[in-house]
N, C-alpha and C. Protein backbone atom coordinates (compact mmCIF):
# COMPACT_ATOMS: atom_id res chain seq x y z
N MET A 1 6.37 -18.84 -11.90
CA MET A 1 7.60 -19.68 -12.23
C MET A 1 8.75 -18.81 -12.38
N ALA A 2 8.78 -17.51 -12.92
CA ALA A 2 9.90 -16.91 -12.94
C ALA A 2 10.30 -16.54 -11.48
N ASP A 3 9.42 -16.20 -10.43
CA ASP A 3 9.92 -15.87 -9.38
C ASP A 3 10.44 -17.04 -8.60
N VAL A 4 10.13 -18.31 -8.79
CA VAL A 4 10.70 -19.51 -8.25
C VAL A 4 11.99 -19.61 -8.89
N GLN A 5 12.21 -19.40 -10.16
CA GLN A 5 13.53 -19.42 -10.97
C GLN A 5 14.51 -18.49 -10.35
N GLN A 6 13.95 -17.32 -10.00
CA GLN A 6 14.88 -16.36 -9.50
C GLN A 6 15.27 -16.93 -8.12
N PHE A 7 14.40 -17.59 -7.16
CA PHE A 7 14.91 -18.08 -5.92
C PHE A 7 15.82 -19.12 -6.14
N VAL A 8 15.67 -19.82 -7.16
CA VAL A 8 16.51 -21.18 -7.45
C VAL A 8 18.07 -20.65 -7.76
N HIS A 9 18.02 -19.50 -8.58
CA HIS A 9 19.38 -18.83 -8.89
C HIS A 9 20.08 -18.22 -7.83
N GLU A 10 19.14 -17.63 -6.79
CA GLU A 10 19.79 -17.25 -5.77
C GLU A 10 20.34 -17.90 -4.77
N MET A 11 19.68 -19.32 -4.65
CA MET A 11 20.29 -20.35 -3.90
C MET A 11 21.53 -20.94 -4.52
N GLY A 12 21.96 -20.62 -5.77
CA GLY A 12 22.86 -21.23 -6.28
C GLY A 12 22.87 -22.43 -7.07
N THR A 13 21.76 -22.68 -7.59
CA THR A 13 21.31 -24.02 -8.22
C THR A 13 20.57 -23.63 -9.67
N ASN A 14 20.18 -24.66 -10.27
CA ASN A 14 19.49 -24.35 -11.44
C ASN A 14 18.37 -25.53 -11.43
N MET A 15 17.29 -25.15 -11.94
CA MET A 15 16.18 -25.93 -12.26
C MET A 15 15.60 -25.62 -13.60
N THR A 16 15.03 -26.56 -14.41
CA THR A 16 14.37 -26.34 -15.63
C THR A 16 12.87 -25.86 -15.07
N ASP A 17 12.23 -25.36 -16.23
CA ASP A 17 10.78 -24.90 -15.88
C ASP A 17 10.14 -26.21 -15.33
N ALA A 18 10.18 -27.50 -16.05
CA ALA A 18 9.43 -28.67 -15.65
C ALA A 18 9.91 -28.85 -14.31
N GLU A 19 11.12 -28.87 -13.94
CA GLU A 19 11.48 -29.21 -12.40
C GLU A 19 10.87 -28.33 -11.50
N VAL A 20 10.73 -26.99 -11.73
CA VAL A 20 10.03 -26.13 -11.13
C VAL A 20 8.53 -26.42 -10.73
N ALA A 21 7.94 -26.76 -11.87
CA ALA A 21 6.52 -27.21 -12.15
C ALA A 21 6.33 -28.47 -11.17
N LYS A 22 7.06 -29.29 -11.33
CA LYS A 22 7.07 -30.60 -10.52
C LYS A 22 7.28 -30.15 -9.01
N PHE A 23 8.27 -29.57 -8.71
CA PHE A 23 8.35 -29.06 -7.30
C PHE A 23 7.16 -28.43 -6.76
N LEU A 24 6.60 -27.50 -7.39
CA LEU A 24 5.37 -26.75 -6.98
C LEU A 24 4.22 -27.68 -6.96
N ASN A 25 4.04 -28.60 -7.74
CA ASN A 25 3.03 -29.64 -7.76
C ASN A 25 3.14 -30.62 -6.80
N GLU A 26 4.20 -30.93 -6.05
CA GLU A 26 4.44 -31.95 -5.20
C GLU A 26 3.85 -31.47 -3.88
N ASN A 27 3.01 -32.32 -3.20
CA ASN A 27 2.62 -32.07 -1.85
C ASN A 27 1.72 -30.84 -1.78
N ASP A 28 1.03 -30.48 -2.78
CA ASP A 28 0.28 -29.36 -2.81
C ASP A 28 0.83 -27.98 -2.36
N ARG A 29 2.21 -27.98 -2.81
CA ARG A 29 3.23 -26.93 -2.60
C ARG A 29 2.65 -25.47 -3.18
N ALA A 30 2.02 -25.50 -4.31
CA ALA A 30 1.68 -24.33 -5.00
C ALA A 30 0.34 -23.69 -4.36
N GLN A 31 -0.50 -24.61 -3.83
CA GLN A 31 -1.82 -24.10 -3.14
C GLN A 31 -1.39 -23.74 -1.95
N SER A 32 -0.29 -24.20 -1.19
CA SER A 32 0.16 -23.70 0.14
C SER A 32 0.82 -22.17 -0.01
N VAL A 33 1.48 -22.09 -1.20
CA VAL A 33 2.23 -20.75 -1.34
C VAL A 33 1.08 -19.82 -1.62
N TRP A 34 0.00 -20.21 -2.57
CA TRP A 34 -0.88 -19.34 -2.74
C TRP A 34 -1.77 -18.68 -1.49
N ILE A 35 -2.06 -19.86 -0.63
CA ILE A 35 -2.84 -19.47 0.61
C ILE A 35 -2.00 -18.74 1.44
N HIS A 36 -0.69 -18.85 1.65
CA HIS A 36 0.17 -18.03 2.42
C HIS A 36 0.18 -16.69 1.97
N MET A 37 0.36 -16.52 0.72
CA MET A 37 0.42 -15.09 0.24
C MET A 37 -1.05 -14.43 0.40
N MET A 38 -2.08 -14.96 0.03
CA MET A 38 -3.42 -14.54 0.56
C MET A 38 -3.54 -14.13 1.98
N LEU A 39 -3.05 -15.04 2.86
CA LEU A 39 -3.35 -14.71 4.23
C LEU A 39 -2.36 -13.25 4.63
N ALA A 40 -1.18 -13.31 4.19
CA ALA A 40 -0.36 -12.35 4.30
C ALA A 40 -0.92 -11.07 3.75
N GLY A 41 -1.39 -11.05 2.46
CA GLY A 41 -2.18 -9.90 2.00
C GLY A 41 -3.28 -9.44 2.84
N GLU A 42 -4.18 -10.45 3.52
CA GLU A 42 -5.37 -9.96 4.15
C GLU A 42 -4.94 -9.36 5.36
N ARG A 43 -3.66 -9.86 6.07
CA ARG A 43 -3.02 -9.21 7.17
C ARG A 43 -2.67 -7.92 7.15
N TYR A 44 -2.06 -7.66 5.86
CA TYR A 44 -1.60 -6.36 5.51
C TYR A 44 -2.66 -5.26 5.25
N ILE A 45 -3.59 -5.61 4.47
CA ILE A 45 -4.80 -4.81 4.29
C ILE A 45 -5.64 -4.52 5.61
N LYS A 46 -5.77 -5.72 6.41
CA LYS A 46 -6.38 -5.35 7.67
C LYS A 46 -5.61 -4.28 8.52
N SER A 47 -4.19 -4.49 8.60
CA SER A 47 -3.54 -3.59 9.38
C SER A 47 -3.37 -2.06 8.87
N SER A 48 -3.32 -2.17 7.41
CA SER A 48 -3.64 -0.71 6.88
C SER A 48 -4.92 0.10 7.16
N LEU A 49 -6.00 -0.75 7.23
CA LEU A 49 -7.34 -0.23 7.55
C LEU A 49 -7.59 0.13 8.96
N GLN A 50 -6.82 -0.72 9.61
CA GLN A 50 -7.01 -0.34 11.22
C GLN A 50 -5.86 0.89 11.47
N THR A 51 -4.76 1.09 10.92
CA THR A 51 -4.14 2.23 11.04
C THR A 51 -4.87 3.59 10.48
N ARG A 52 -5.41 3.29 9.52
CA ARG A 52 -6.25 4.53 8.71
C ARG A 52 -7.39 4.75 9.74
N ALA A 53 -8.14 3.77 10.17
CA ALA A 53 -9.21 4.01 11.32
C ALA A 53 -8.81 4.83 12.38
N MET A 54 -7.62 4.67 12.95
CA MET A 54 -7.17 5.43 14.05
C MET A 54 -6.87 6.77 13.70
N GLY A 55 -6.85 7.12 12.60
CA GLY A 55 -6.70 8.61 12.28
C GLY A 55 -5.11 8.77 11.87
N ILE A 56 -5.02 9.93 11.28
CA ILE A 56 -3.60 10.33 11.12
C ILE A 56 -3.07 11.21 12.09
N PRO A 57 -1.86 10.99 12.54
CA PRO A 57 -1.48 11.89 13.58
C PRO A 57 -1.54 13.09 13.25
N ALA A 58 -1.60 14.35 14.08
CA ALA A 58 -1.46 15.62 13.84
C ALA A 58 -0.08 16.14 13.53
N VAL A 59 0.17 16.87 12.50
CA VAL A 59 1.45 17.40 12.00
C VAL A 59 1.37 18.81 12.36
N ASP A 60 2.72 19.15 12.98
CA ASP A 60 2.93 20.63 13.31
C ASP A 60 3.26 21.35 12.13
N ARG A 61 2.52 22.16 11.64
CA ARG A 61 2.67 23.00 10.53
C ARG A 61 2.98 24.43 10.85
N ALA A 62 4.13 24.64 11.51
CA ALA A 62 4.53 25.93 11.96
C ALA A 62 4.66 26.81 10.63
N GLY A 63 4.16 28.06 10.90
CA GLY A 63 4.31 28.82 9.85
C GLY A 63 2.76 29.23 8.98
N VAL A 64 1.88 28.07 9.24
CA VAL A 64 0.68 28.09 8.51
C VAL A 64 -0.43 28.89 9.45
N GLN A 65 -1.10 29.83 8.67
CA GLN A 65 -2.03 30.62 9.38
C GLN A 65 -3.50 30.52 8.73
N VAL A 66 -4.48 30.09 9.23
CA VAL A 66 -5.60 30.06 8.63
C VAL A 66 -6.43 31.44 8.87
N THR A 67 -6.84 31.90 7.71
CA THR A 67 -7.53 33.36 7.57
C THR A 67 -8.99 32.94 6.85
N MET A 68 -10.00 33.90 7.32
CA MET A 68 -11.23 34.18 6.42
C MET A 68 -10.92 34.83 5.35
N VAL A 69 -11.47 34.50 4.20
CA VAL A 69 -11.55 35.34 3.01
C VAL A 69 -12.82 35.69 2.53
N GLN A 70 -12.91 36.88 2.04
CA GLN A 70 -14.27 37.37 1.56
C GLN A 70 -14.07 37.42 0.10
N GLN A 71 -14.81 36.86 -0.84
CA GLN A 71 -14.62 37.32 -2.30
C GLN A 71 -15.99 37.30 -2.96
N GLU A 72 -15.97 38.31 -4.07
CA GLU A 72 -17.10 38.80 -4.59
C GLU A 72 -17.38 37.79 -5.80
N ILE A 73 -18.73 36.81 -5.74
CA ILE A 73 -18.86 36.00 -6.77
C ILE A 73 -20.18 36.27 -7.50
N LYS A 74 -19.94 36.78 -8.67
CA LYS A 74 -21.19 37.18 -9.57
C LYS A 74 -22.22 38.12 -8.64
N GLY A 75 -21.69 39.02 -8.01
CA GLY A 75 -22.50 40.20 -7.22
C GLY A 75 -22.87 39.57 -5.93
N ARG A 76 -22.46 38.19 -5.45
CA ARG A 76 -22.70 37.92 -4.18
C ARG A 76 -21.58 37.96 -3.34
N ARG A 77 -21.76 38.08 -2.24
CA ARG A 77 -20.56 37.95 -1.25
C ARG A 77 -20.52 36.50 -0.79
N SER A 78 -19.43 35.86 -0.53
CA SER A 78 -19.27 34.71 0.08
C SER A 78 -18.29 34.61 1.05
N GLN A 79 -18.18 33.74 1.72
CA GLN A 79 -17.00 33.44 2.71
C GLN A 79 -16.31 32.08 2.65
N GLY A 80 -15.02 31.97 2.63
CA GLY A 80 -14.35 30.90 2.54
C GLY A 80 -13.20 30.83 3.37
N SER A 81 -12.57 29.55 3.52
CA SER A 81 -11.16 29.94 4.51
C SER A 81 -10.04 29.48 3.49
N SER A 82 -8.93 30.02 3.89
CA SER A 82 -7.70 29.67 3.08
C SER A 82 -6.48 29.61 3.94
N ALA A 83 -5.30 29.09 3.49
CA ALA A 83 -4.37 28.89 4.44
C ALA A 83 -3.10 29.88 3.92
N SER A 84 -2.58 30.69 4.58
CA SER A 84 -1.34 31.37 3.99
C SER A 84 -0.14 30.85 4.77
N TYR A 85 0.94 30.72 4.16
CA TYR A 85 2.33 30.39 4.67
C TYR A 85 3.31 31.33 4.62
N GLN A 86 3.81 31.37 6.04
CA GLN A 86 4.72 32.49 6.33
C GLN A 86 6.09 31.85 6.53
C-alpha cells in the first residue's frame, strides 16, 4: 500500500489507505498487478540466465602474464599457476 500511496502523491493527489485498498480490490486490480510483477520478474530472470549461459565476453587484460610456479609443500614439489601484473 505504501508504494501505491507514493504513486498517488507523485500524481499530485491524495487517497486514504481505505481508498487505496478499495481501488486495488476493484476489478481484481491487486491480482492483475501481482501477475504483472511476477511475469516481469520471470522475464528478467530468464533473460539473466540466458545472458549467463552465453558466457561472459572476453576481457582484454593487458599487462597480465600467466606463469608456472613451483613451490615446496611439506617436502613435495607441486606445480600451480599464478598471474603476475606488470
